[in-house]
Amino acid sequence: MDKEELNQKDATYLDKYKRDKPWGLTVSIDLKDCSYNKMVDAEYIKQFVKDLCELIDMKRFGETTVVNFGSEERVAGFSMTQLIETSLISAHFANASRAIYLDVFSCKPFPPYKVAEFAKERFEASRYSININFRY
């Protein structure tokens, strides 16, 4: 999908948000084949969150929390949370599969595909899947 197609998809979702007036928007992005070195770097993750919030004009509330845990190899990795004034950004980084599961939930509209493409680029993912849900 080229940049124009992605912009059009974002515009469609933002128009629906404006028209239907939901309480909020949840976007779940599954990133695959990510850069292992980047996804295991807590400082890189924190900078990603800061940059993402700037990109989509979300005001962070407090610092980003990044915790490494998981006794089972399949799920071991960092989990991240960032409160934003309009809700929450969270993610889990699964080391063994080099997958990242990113969720952005906000009552302020934001462009879902812009977020997905930004995350894909920053973590050098080969691909992603996206689920977009309006919250009423």
Protein backbone atom coordinates (compact mmCIF):
# COMPACT_ATOMS: atom_id res chain seq x y z
CA MET A 1 0.00 0.00 0.00
CA ASP A 2 1.47 3.37 -0.95
CA LYS A 3 1.45 6.52 1.17
CA GLU A 4 -1.57 8.01 -0.61
CA GLU A 5 -3.65 4.86 0.04
CA LEU A 6 -2.65 4.91 3.71
CA ASN A 7 -3.58 8.59 4.01
CA GLN A 8 -6.95 7.86 2.43
CA LYS A 9 -7.62 5.00 4.86
CA ASP A 10 -6.73 7.28 7.79
CA ALA A 11 -9.03 9.99 6.42
CA THR A 12 -11.89 7.47 6.20
CA TYR A 13 -11.48 6.48 9.88
CA LEU A 14 -11.09 10.08 11.03
CA ASP A 15 -14.22 11.09 9.09
CA LYS A 16 -16.15 8.23 10.71
CA TYR A 17 -14.91 9.35 14.14
CA LYS A 18 -16.08 12.90 13.47
CA ARG A 19 -19.44 11.76 12.09
CA ASP A 20 -20.34 9.03 14.62
CA LYS A 21 -18.81 10.71 17.69
CA PRO A 22 -17.65 7.56 19.54
CA TRP A 23 -16.21 7.84 23.02
CA GLY A 24 -12.82 6.70 21.78
CA LEU A 25 -10.70 4.75 19.35
CA THR A 26 -8.61 1.62 19.98
CA VAL A 27 -5.97 0.60 17.46
CA SER A 28 -4.15 -2.71 17.91
CA ILE A 29 -1.09 -3.30 15.76
CA ASP A 30 0.78 -6.62 15.56
CA LEU A 31 4.29 -6.05 14.20
CA LYS A 32 6.21 -9.08 12.88
CA ASP A 33 9.91 -9.82 12.32
CA CYS A 34 11.05 -6.76 14.26
CA SER A 35 14.64 -5.72 14.93
CA TYR A 36 15.60 -7.74 17.98
CA ASN A 37 18.19 -5.18 19.09
CA LYS A 38 15.62 -2.38 19.10
CA MET A 39 12.85 -4.31 20.82
CA VAL A 40 15.11 -5.34 23.73
CA ASP A 41 16.40 -1.80 24.31
CA ALA A 42 14.33 -0.10 27.05
CA GLU A 43 15.70 3.37 26.24
CA TYR A 44 14.86 2.92 22.55
CA ILE A 45 11.31 1.91 23.48
CA LYS A 46 10.92 4.98 25.70
CA GLN A 47 12.13 7.26 22.91
CA PHE A 48 9.75 5.54 20.46
CA VAL A 49 6.82 6.30 22.79
CA LYS A 50 7.88 9.92 23.18
CA ASP A 51 8.19 10.31 19.40
CA LEU A 52 4.87 8.53 18.79
CA CYS A 53 3.08 10.86 21.20
CA GLU A 54 4.54 13.87 19.39
CA LEU A 55 3.58 12.39 16.00
CA ILE A 56 -0.10 11.97 16.93
CA ASP A 57 -0.28 14.98 19.25
CA MET A 58 -0.94 13.08 22.48
CA LYS A 59 0.16 14.57 25.78
CA ARG A 60 2.03 12.08 27.96
CA PHE A 61 1.06 11.85 31.61
CA GLY A 62 4.09 10.77 33.61
CA GLU A 63 6.97 8.67 32.40
CA THR A 64 6.89 5.59 30.21
CA THR A 65 7.05 2.35 32.18
CA VAL A 66 9.09 -0.45 30.58
CA VAL A 67 9.39 -3.75 32.47
CA ASN A 68 11.14 -6.92 31.32
CA PHE A 69 9.52 -10.14 32.51
CA GLY A 70 8.17 -13.54 31.55
CA SER A 71 9.34 -16.86 32.90
CA GLU A 72 8.17 -18.65 29.76
CA GLU A 73 10.41 -18.14 26.72
CA ARG A 74 7.44 -17.75 24.37
CA VAL A 75 6.18 -14.63 26.18
CA ALA A 76 9.36 -13.20 27.71
CA GLY A 77 10.16 -9.60 26.86
CA PHE A 78 9.40 -6.02 27.72
CA SER A 79 5.94 -4.68 28.43
CA MET A 80 5.40 -0.95 28.12
CA THR A 81 2.71 1.42 29.37
CA GLN A 82 2.36 5.13 28.83
CA LEU A 83 -0.53 7.07 30.27
CA ILE A 84 -1.71 9.86 28.03
CA GLU A 85 -4.14 12.57 29.01
CA THR A 86 -6.75 10.99 26.74
CA SER A 87 -6.10 7.36 27.85
CA LEU A 88 -3.27 4.83 27.32
CA ILE A 89 -0.59 3.43 25.01
CA SER A 90 0.71 -0.06 25.78
CA ALA A 91 2.74 -2.79 24.14
CA HIS A 92 4.30 -6.18 24.71
CA PHE A 93 7.56 -7.15 23.03
CA ALA A 94 7.80 -10.94 22.51
CA ASN A 95 11.51 -11.69 22.16
CA ALA A 96 11.28 -15.29 20.93
CA SER A 97 9.02 -14.47 17.99
CA ARG A 98 10.38 -10.93 17.40
CA ALA A 99 6.79 -9.64 17.51
CA ILE A 100 5.45 -6.45 19.07
CA TYR A 101 1.82 -6.04 20.10
CA LEU A 102 1.06 -2.31 20.29
CA ASP A 103 -2.24 -0.79 21.47
CA VAL A 104 -3.23 2.86 21.34
CA PHE A 105 -6.48 3.83 23.05
CA SER A 106 -7.65 7.43 23.12
CA CYS A 107 -10.81 9.53 23.27
CA LYS A 108 -8.97 11.98 21.00
CA PRO A 109 -8.94 10.85 17.35
CA PHE A 110 -5.64 9.89 15.70
CA PRO A 111 -4.64 8.35 12.33
CA PRO A 112 -4.37 4.56 12.80
CA TYR A 113 -2.29 3.77 9.72
CA LYS A 114 0.13 6.61 10.45
CA VAL A 115 0.77 4.96 13.84
CA ALA A 116 1.20 1.51 12.26
CA GLU A 117 3.60 2.72 9.58
CA PHE A 118 5.61 4.71 12.12
CA ALA A 119 5.94 1.68 14.42
CA LYS A 120 6.81 -0.59 11.49
CA GLU A 121 9.56 1.78 10.39
CA ARG A 122 11.00 2.41 13.85
CA PHE A 123 11.18 -1.29 14.78
CA GLU A 124 12.11 -2.41 11.25
CA ALA A 125 9.18 -4.84 11.11
CA SER A 126 8.67 -6.77 7.90
CA ARG A 127 4.87 -6.41 8.14
CA TYR A 128 1.97 -5.67 10.43
CA SER A 129 -1.70 -6.37 10.92
CA ILE A 130 -4.04 -3.76 12.31
CA ASN A 131 -7.40 -3.82 14.10
CA ILE A 132 -9.33 -0.60 14.47
CA ASN A 133 -12.27 -0.34 16.89
CA PHE A 134 -14.47 2.57 17.80
CA ARG A 135 -15.50 2.62 21.46
CA TYR A 136 -19.03 3.74 22.29
